[in-house]
Amino acid sequence: MPPPTGSPDPVEAALPHGFVLPHNRFSRTLDRFIVRAGEIAKWLWPLLMAVIVLQVTLRYGFGRGSVMLEEIQWHIYSIGFMIGISYCIEVDRHVRVDALAEHWSLRRRAWIELIGLTLFLLPFALLVAYQSAPFVATSWRLAEVSVAPGGLPYRWAIKSFLVIGFALIAIVAFSRITRCTTLLYGVPRALPPSDGGRA
């Protein structure tokens, strides 16, 4: 129940300035998993740059292109991107349009976040993961490979990240939903600020 008009909101007073959702024990466990996945995936980007430099050097320096290196590039990019989306959502570094929202109260922003996550992001992520599963299973069953001469033999592996990536998005969306309910309703119970940390 919102506080009487004119009285300070105890939730907003306890939180740092800006849109920071409190953590609960459930969200903290899920978010740690997402952060670990993101921290592992971040090493894909230096690897991708190294592969690109090698490909360019071979092609323009020695006149030798490589289909395998080209496919490795988009495989690495795809994996990094699919894992990176959930990480960006967890650390709240994804693109937002806050021209209006920055003037709203913390509770109103939490309501908008809750509605968006519940009605749009979570159902979409679950739907894509569910619909992708048979597609990925067929690729595994056929041990699908690249159709290009000299391409990679593990096409089934890259397709697996359709399910993995959207499953991670669903996990982080559910985690943020619980953080919204923690702020709005006090359920699940919030962790102390020292344990809660960032958004």
C-alpha atoms as a PDB file:
ATOM      1  CA  MET A   1       0.000   0.000   0.000  1.00  0.00           C
ATOM      2  CA  PRO A   2       1.512   3.395  -0.965  1.00  0.00           C
ATOM      3  CA  PRO A   3       2.406   5.787   1.867  1.00  0.00           C
ATOM      4  CA  PRO A   4       0.069   8.727   2.638  1.00  0.00           C
ATOM      5  CA  THR A   5       0.455  11.740   0.368  1.00  0.00           C
ATOM      6  CA  GLY A   6       3.233  14.031   1.511  1.00  0.00           C
ATOM      7  CA  SER A   7       5.107  11.434   3.583  1.00  0.00           C
ATOM      8  CA  PRO A   8       8.465  10.098   2.346  1.00  0.00           C
ATOM      9  CA  ASP A   9       8.452   6.706   0.675  1.00  0.00           C
ATOM     10  CA  PRO A  10      10.588   4.397   2.879  1.00  0.00           C
ATOM     11  CA  VAL A  11      11.591   2.220  -0.090  1.00  0.00           C
ATOM     12  CA  GLU A  12      12.772   5.160  -2.187  1.00  0.00           C
ATOM     13  CA  ALA A  13      14.549   6.688   0.800  1.00  0.00           C
ATOM     14  CA  ALA A  14      16.481   3.469   1.403  1.00  0.00           C
ATOM     15  CA  LEU A  15      17.684   3.051  -2.173  1.00  0.00           C
ATOM     16  CA  PRO A  16      20.419   4.962  -4.009  1.00  0.00           C
ATOM     17  CA  HIS A  17      19.460   7.692  -6.456  1.00  0.00           C
ATOM     18  CA  GLY A  18      18.314   6.331  -9.804  1.00  0.00           C
ATOM     19  CA  PHE A  19      16.426   3.240 -10.902  1.00  0.00           C
ATOM     20  CA  VAL A  20      17.840   0.525  -8.656  1.00  0.00           C
ATOM     21  CA  LEU A  21      15.754  -2.533  -7.872  1.00  0.00           C
ATOM     22  CA  PRO A  22      16.407  -4.239  -4.526  1.00  0.00           C
ATOM     23  CA  HIS A  23      17.719  -7.777  -4.579  1.00  0.00           C
ATOM     24  CA  ASN A  24      16.225 -10.753  -2.818  1.00  0.00           C
ATOM     25  CA  ARG A  25      17.868 -14.119  -2.169  1.00  0.00           C
ATOM     26  CA  PHE A  26      16.185 -15.704  -5.170  1.00  0.00           C
ATOM     27  CA  SER A  27      17.189 -12.953  -7.619  1.00  0.00           C
ATOM     28  CA  ARG A  28      20.719 -12.831  -6.223  1.00  0.00           C
ATOM     29  CA  THR A  29      21.229 -16.541  -6.993  1.00  0.00           C
ATOM     30  CA  LEU A  30      19.904 -16.223 -10.540  1.00  0.00           C
ATOM     31  CA  ASP A  31      21.789 -12.994 -11.232  1.00  0.00           C
ATOM     32  CA  ARG A  32      25.084 -14.451 -10.067  1.00  0.00           C
ATOM     33  CA  PHE A  33      24.618 -17.239 -12.597  1.00  0.00           C
ATOM     34  CA  ILE A  34      23.884 -14.726 -15.373  1.00  0.00           C
ATOM     35  CA  VAL A  35      26.868 -12.568 -14.421  1.00  0.00           C
ATOM     36  CA  ARG A  36      29.205 -15.587 -14.458  1.00  0.00           C
ATOM     37  CA  ALA A  37      27.949 -16.519 -17.933  1.00  0.00           C
ATOM     38  CA  GLY A  38      28.509 -12.934 -19.083  1.00  0.00           C
ATOM     39  CA  GLU A  39      31.995 -12.780 -17.601  1.00  0.00           C
ATOM     40  CA  ILE A  40      32.931 -15.973 -19.437  1.00  0.00           C
ATOM     41  CA  ALA A  41      31.384 -14.719 -22.680  1.00  0.00           C
ATOM     42  CA  LYS A  42      33.301 -11.431 -22.562  1.00  0.00           C
ATOM     43  CA  TRP A  43      36.469 -13.322 -23.515  1.00  0.00           C
ATOM     44  CA  LEU A  44      34.864 -14.171 -26.840  1.00  0.00           C
ATOM     45  CA  TRP A  45      35.305 -10.587 -28.047  1.00  0.00           C
ATOM     46  CA  PRO A  46      39.146 -10.514 -27.918  1.00  0.00           C
ATOM     47  CA  LEU A  47      39.069 -13.946 -29.558  1.00  0.00           C
ATOM     48  CA  LEU A  48      36.770 -12.596 -32.277  1.00  0.00           C
ATOM     49  CA  MET A  49      39.118  -9.667 -32.936  1.00  0.00           C
ATOM     50  CA  ALA A  50      42.077 -12.052 -33.172  1.00  0.00           C
ATOM     51  CA  VAL A  51      40.245 -14.234 -35.700  1.00  0.00           C
ATOM     52  CA  ILE A  52      39.273 -11.175 -37.760  1.00  0.00           C
ATOM     53  CA  VAL A  53      42.872  -9.897 -37.807  1.00  0.00           C
ATOM     54  CA  LEU A  54      44.113 -13.342 -38.834  1.00  0.00           C
ATOM     55  CA  GLN A  55      41.487 -13.594 -41.588  1.00  0.00           C
ATOM     56  CA  VAL A  56      42.297 -10.127 -42.963  1.00  0.00           C
ATOM     57  CA  THR A  57      46.046 -10.804 -42.818  1.00  0.00           C
ATOM     58  CA  LEU A  58      45.690 -14.102 -44.685  1.00  0.00           C
ATOM     59  CA  ARG A  59      43.350 -12.657 -47.297  1.00  0.00           C
ATOM     60  CA  TYR A  60      45.074  -9.356 -48.079  1.00  0.00           C
ATOM     61  CA  GLY A  61      48.612 -10.205 -47.037  1.00  0.00           C
ATOM     62  CA  PHE A  62      48.909 -13.683 -48.521  1.00  0.00           C
ATOM     63  CA  GLY A  63      45.913 -13.920 -50.856  1.00  0.00           C
ATOM     64  CA  ARG A  64      44.475 -16.856 -48.941  1.00  0.00           C
ATOM     65  CA  GLY A  65      40.865 -16.612 -47.761  1.00  0.00           C
ATOM     66  CA  SER A  66      39.328 -19.142 -45.394  1.00  0.00           C
ATOM     67  CA  VAL A  67      35.672 -20.130 -45.238  1.00  0.00           C
ATOM     68  CA  MET A  68      36.350 -21.771 -41.888  1.00  0.00           C
ATOM     69  CA  LEU A  69      37.687 -18.529 -40.369  1.00  0.00           C
ATOM     70  CA  GLU A  70      34.728 -16.587 -41.742  1.00  0.00           C
ATOM     71  CA  GLU A  71      32.301 -19.014 -40.142  1.00  0.00           C
ATOM     72  CA  ILE A  72      34.237 -18.990 -36.877  1.00  0.00           C
ATOM     73  CA  GLN A  73      33.766 -15.205 -36.806  1.00  0.00           C
ATOM     74  CA  TRP A  74      29.990 -15.279 -37.007  1.00  0.00           C
ATOM     75  CA  HIS A  75      29.809 -18.272 -34.663  1.00  0.00           C
ATOM     76  CA  ILE A  76      31.763 -16.367 -31.996  1.00  0.00           C
ATOM     77  CA  TYR A  77      29.724 -13.225 -32.580  1.00  0.00           C
ATOM     78  CA  SER A  78      26.442 -15.128 -32.338  1.00  0.00           C
ATOM     79  CA  ILE A  79      27.379 -16.840 -29.077  1.00  0.00           C
ATOM     80  CA  GLY A  80      28.671 -13.623 -27.500  1.00  0.00           C
ATOM     81  CA  PHE A  81      25.586 -11.707 -28.556  1.00  0.00           C
ATOM     82  CA  MET A  82      23.090 -14.317 -27.333  1.00  0.00           C
ATOM     83  CA  ILE A  83      24.752 -14.587 -23.926  1.00  0.00           C
ATOM     84  CA  GLY A  84      25.458 -10.860 -23.749  1.00  0.00           C
ATOM     85  CA  ILE A  85      21.788  -9.862 -24.002  1.00  0.00           C
ATOM     86  CA  SER A  86      20.906 -11.500 -20.676  1.00  0.00           C
ATOM     87  CA  TYR A  87      24.016 -10.013 -19.052  1.00  0.00           C
ATOM     88  CA  CYS A  88      23.090  -6.502 -20.245  1.00  0.00           C
ATOM     89  CA  ILE A  89      19.580  -6.893 -18.848  1.00  0.00           C
ATOM     90  CA  GLU A  90      20.940  -8.062 -15.488  1.00  0.00           C
ATOM     91  CA  VAL A  91      23.356  -5.150 -15.085  1.00  0.00           C
ATOM     92  CA  ASP A  92      20.754  -2.756 -16.582  1.00  0.00           C
ATOM     93  CA  ARG A  93      23.053  -1.585 -19.374  1.00  0.00           C
ATOM     94  CA  HIS A  94      20.708  -2.329 -22.267  1.00  0.00           C
ATOM     95  CA  VAL A  95      19.135   0.434 -24.345  1.00  0.00           C
ATOM     96  CA  ARG A  96      16.365   2.310 -22.575  1.00  0.00           C
ATOM     97  CA  VAL A  97      14.258   5.290 -23.618  1.00  0.00           C
ATOM     98  CA  ASP A  98      14.147   7.246 -20.381  1.00  0.00           C
ATOM     99  CA  ALA A  99      13.105  10.678 -21.638  1.00  0.00           C
ATOM    100  CA  LEU A 100       9.857  10.335 -19.687  1.00  0.00           C
ATOM    101  CA  ALA A 101      10.776   7.646 -17.174  1.00  0.00           C
ATOM    102  CA  GLU A 102      13.608   9.649 -15.607  1.00  0.00           C
ATOM    103  CA  HIS A 103      10.992  12.025 -14.188  1.00  0.00           C
ATOM    104  CA  TRP A 104       8.836   9.257 -12.737  1.00  0.00           C
ATOM    105  CA  SER A 105       8.956   7.963  -9.181  1.00  0.00           C
ATOM    106  CA  LEU A 106      10.797   4.758  -8.399  1.00  0.00           C
ATOM    107  CA  ARG A 107       7.533   2.916  -7.787  1.00  0.00           C
ATOM    108  CA  ARG A 108       6.021   4.000 -11.086  1.00  0.00           C
ATOM    109  CA  ARG A 109       9.151   2.901 -12.940  1.00  0.00           C
ATOM    110  CA  ALA A 110       9.021  -0.430 -11.112  1.00  0.00           C
ATOM    111  CA  TRP A 111       5.407  -0.876 -12.217  1.00  0.00           C
ATOM    112  CA  ILE A 112       6.321  -0.160 -15.845  1.00  0.00           C
ATOM    113  CA  GLU A 113       9.248  -2.573 -15.562  1.00  0.00           C
ATOM    114  CA  LEU A 114       7.033  -5.257 -14.041  1.00  0.00           C
ATOM    115  CA  ILE A 115       4.382  -4.910 -16.752  1.00  0.00           C
ATOM    116  CA  GLY A 116       6.945  -4.919 -19.556  1.00  0.00           C
ATOM    117  CA  LEU A 117       8.763  -7.953 -18.212  1.00  0.00           C
ATOM    118  CA  THR A 118       5.615  -9.930 -17.434  1.00  0.00           C
ATOM    119  CA  LEU A 119       3.630  -9.200 -20.586  1.00  0.00           C
ATOM    120  CA  PHE A 120       6.384  -8.863 -23.175  1.00  0.00           C
ATOM    121  CA  LEU A 121       9.956  -9.950 -22.429  1.00  0.00           C
ATOM    122  CA  LEU A 122       9.359 -13.140 -20.421  1.00  0.00           C
ATOM    123  CA  PRO A 123       6.633 -14.585 -22.702  1.00  0.00           C
ATOM    124  CA  PHE A 124       8.651 -13.696 -25.809  1.00  0.00           C
ATOM    125  CA  ALA A 125      11.838 -15.329 -24.476  1.00  0.00           C
ATOM    126  CA  LEU A 126       9.972 -18.477 -23.420  1.00  0.00           C
ATOM    127  CA  LEU A 127       8.152 -18.673 -26.755  1.00  0.00           C
ATOM    128  CA  VAL A 128      11.329 -18.360 -28.824  1.00  0.00           C
ATOM    129  CA  ALA A 129      13.181 -20.900 -26.655  1.00  0.00           C
ATOM    130  CA  TYR A 130      10.250 -23.325 -26.923  1.00  0.00           C
ATOM    131  CA  GLN A 131       9.813 -22.911 -30.674  1.00  0.00           C
ATOM    132  CA  SER A 132      13.582 -23.192 -31.257  1.00  0.00           C
ATOM    133  CA  ALA A 133      13.946 -26.472 -29.362  1.00  0.00           C
ATOM    134  CA  PRO A 134      12.681 -28.793 -32.166  1.00  0.00           C
ATOM    135  CA  PHE A 135      14.791 -26.885 -34.698  1.00  0.00           C
ATOM    136  CA  VAL A 136      17.897 -27.379 -32.536  1.00  0.00           C
ATOM    137  CA  ALA A 137      17.015 -31.017 -31.787  1.00  0.00           C
ATOM    138  CA  THR A 138      16.799 -31.769 -35.518  1.00  0.00           C
ATOM    139  CA  SER A 139      20.182 -30.152 -36.076  1.00  0.00           C
ATOM    140  CA  TRP A 140      21.695 -32.321 -33.316  1.00  0.00           C
ATOM    141  CA  ARG A 141      20.034 -35.472 -34.620  1.00  0.00           C
ATOM    142  CA  LEU A 142      21.381 -34.888 -38.133  1.00  0.00           C
ATOM    143  CA  ALA A 143      24.798 -33.758 -36.825  1.00  0.00           C
ATOM    144  CA  GLU A 144      24.332 -30.755 -39.105  1.00  0.00           C
ATOM    145  CA  VAL A 145      27.432 -29.286 -40.714  1.00  0.00           C
ATOM    146  CA  SER A 146      28.143 -26.259 -42.853  1.00  0.00           C
ATOM    147  CA  VAL A 147      27.084 -26.576 -46.476  1.00  0.00           C
ATOM    148  CA  ALA A 148      30.061 -24.451 -47.581  1.00  0.00           C
ATOM    149  CA  PRO A 149      33.220 -26.261 -48.751  1.00  0.00           C
ATOM    150  CA  GLY A 150      35.788 -25.946 -45.978  1.00  0.00           C
ATOM    151  CA  GLY A 151      33.137 -24.765 -43.477  1.00  0.00           C
ATOM    152  CA  LEU A 152      32.757 -25.800 -39.855  1.00  0.00           C
ATOM    153  CA  PRO A 153      31.435 -29.283 -39.057  1.00  0.00           C
ATOM    154  CA  TYR A 154      29.527 -28.178 -35.933  1.00  0.00           C
ATOM    155  CA  ARG A 155      26.507 -26.211 -37.190  1.00  0.00           C
ATOM    156  CA  TRP A 156      24.378 -27.940 -34.528  1.00  0.00           C
ATOM    157  CA  ALA A 157      26.482 -26.357 -31.784  1.00  0.00           C
ATOM    158  CA  ILE A 158      25.871 -22.780 -32.876  1.00  0.00           C
ATOM    159  CA  LYS A 159      22.151 -23.408 -33.310  1.00  0.00           C
ATOM    160  CA  SER A 160      21.992 -24.616 -29.703  1.00  0.00           C
ATOM    161  CA  PHE A 161      22.561 -21.048 -28.556  1.00  0.00           C
ATOM    162  CA  LEU A 162      19.120 -20.084 -29.809  1.00  0.00           C
ATOM    163  CA  VAL A 163      17.648 -22.069 -26.919  1.00  0.00           C
ATOM    164  CA  ILE A 164      20.451 -21.272 -24.476  1.00  0.00           C
ATOM    165  CA  GLY A 165      20.406 -17.531 -25.163  1.00  0.00           C
ATOM    166  CA  PHE A 166      16.647 -17.107 -24.839  1.00  0.00           C
ATOM    167  CA  ALA A 167      16.552 -19.373 -21.779  1.00  0.00           C
ATOM    168  CA  LEU A 168      19.067 -17.022 -20.138  1.00  0.00           C
ATOM    169  CA  ILE A 169      16.912 -14.038 -21.097  1.00  0.00           C
ATOM    170  CA  ALA A 170      13.896 -15.746 -19.526  1.00  0.00           C
ATOM    171  CA  ILE A 171      15.879 -16.409 -16.343  1.00  0.00           C
ATOM    172  CA  VAL A 172      17.026 -12.805 -15.982  1.00  0.00           C
ATOM    173  CA  ALA A 173      13.523 -11.499 -16.819  1.00  0.00           C
ATOM    174  CA  PHE A 174      12.030 -13.679 -14.082  1.00  0.00           C
ATOM    175  CA  SER A 175      14.717 -12.502 -11.677  1.00  0.00           C
ATOM    176  CA  ARG A 176      13.903  -8.850 -12.369  1.00  0.00           C
ATOM    177  CA  ILE A 177      10.194  -9.573 -11.944  1.00  0.00           C
ATOM    178  CA  THR A 178      10.890 -10.816  -8.416  1.00  0.00           C
ATOM    179  CA  ARG A 179      12.974  -7.698  -7.769  1.00  0.00           C
ATOM    180  CA  CYS A 180      10.049  -5.518  -8.868  1.00  0.00           C
ATOM    181  CA  THR A 181       7.698  -7.377  -6.528  1.00  0.00           C
ATOM    182  CA  THR A 182      10.269  -7.024  -3.749  1.00  0.00           C
ATOM    183  CA  LEU A 183      10.209  -3.253  -4.196  1.00  0.00           C
ATOM    184  CA  LEU A 184       6.445  -2.951  -4.661  1.00  0.00           C
ATOM    185  CA  TYR A 185       5.143  -5.568  -2.233  1.00  0.00           C
ATOM    186  CA  GLY A 186       8.089  -6.606  -0.076  1.00  0.00           C
ATOM    187  CA  VAL A 187       7.859 -10.184  -1.425  1.00  0.00           C
ATOM    188  CA  PRO A 188      10.350 -11.849  -1.600  1.00  0.00           C
ATOM    189  CA  ARG A 189      12.030 -10.009   1.246  1.00  0.00           C
ATOM    190  CA  ALA A 190      14.775  -7.609   0.199  1.00  0.00           C
ATOM    191  CA  LEU A 191      18.379  -8.255   1.063  1.00  0.00           C
ATOM    192  CA  PRO A 192      20.188  -5.548   3.068  1.00  0.00           C
ATOM    193  CA  PRO A 193      21.745  -2.863   0.813  1.00  0.00           C
ATOM    194  CA  SER A 194      25.238  -4.185   1.523  1.00  0.00           C
ATOM    195  CA  ASP A 195      24.227  -7.533   0.030  1.00  0.00           C
ATOM    196  CA  GLY A 196      21.853  -6.227  -2.624  1.00  0.00           C
ATOM    197  CA  GLY A 197      24.299  -4.218  -4.663  1.00  0.00           C
ATOM    198  CA  ARG A 198      23.662  -2.968  -8.138  1.00  0.00           C
ATOM    199  CA  ALA A 199      20.528  -2.914 -10.226  1.00  0.00           C
END
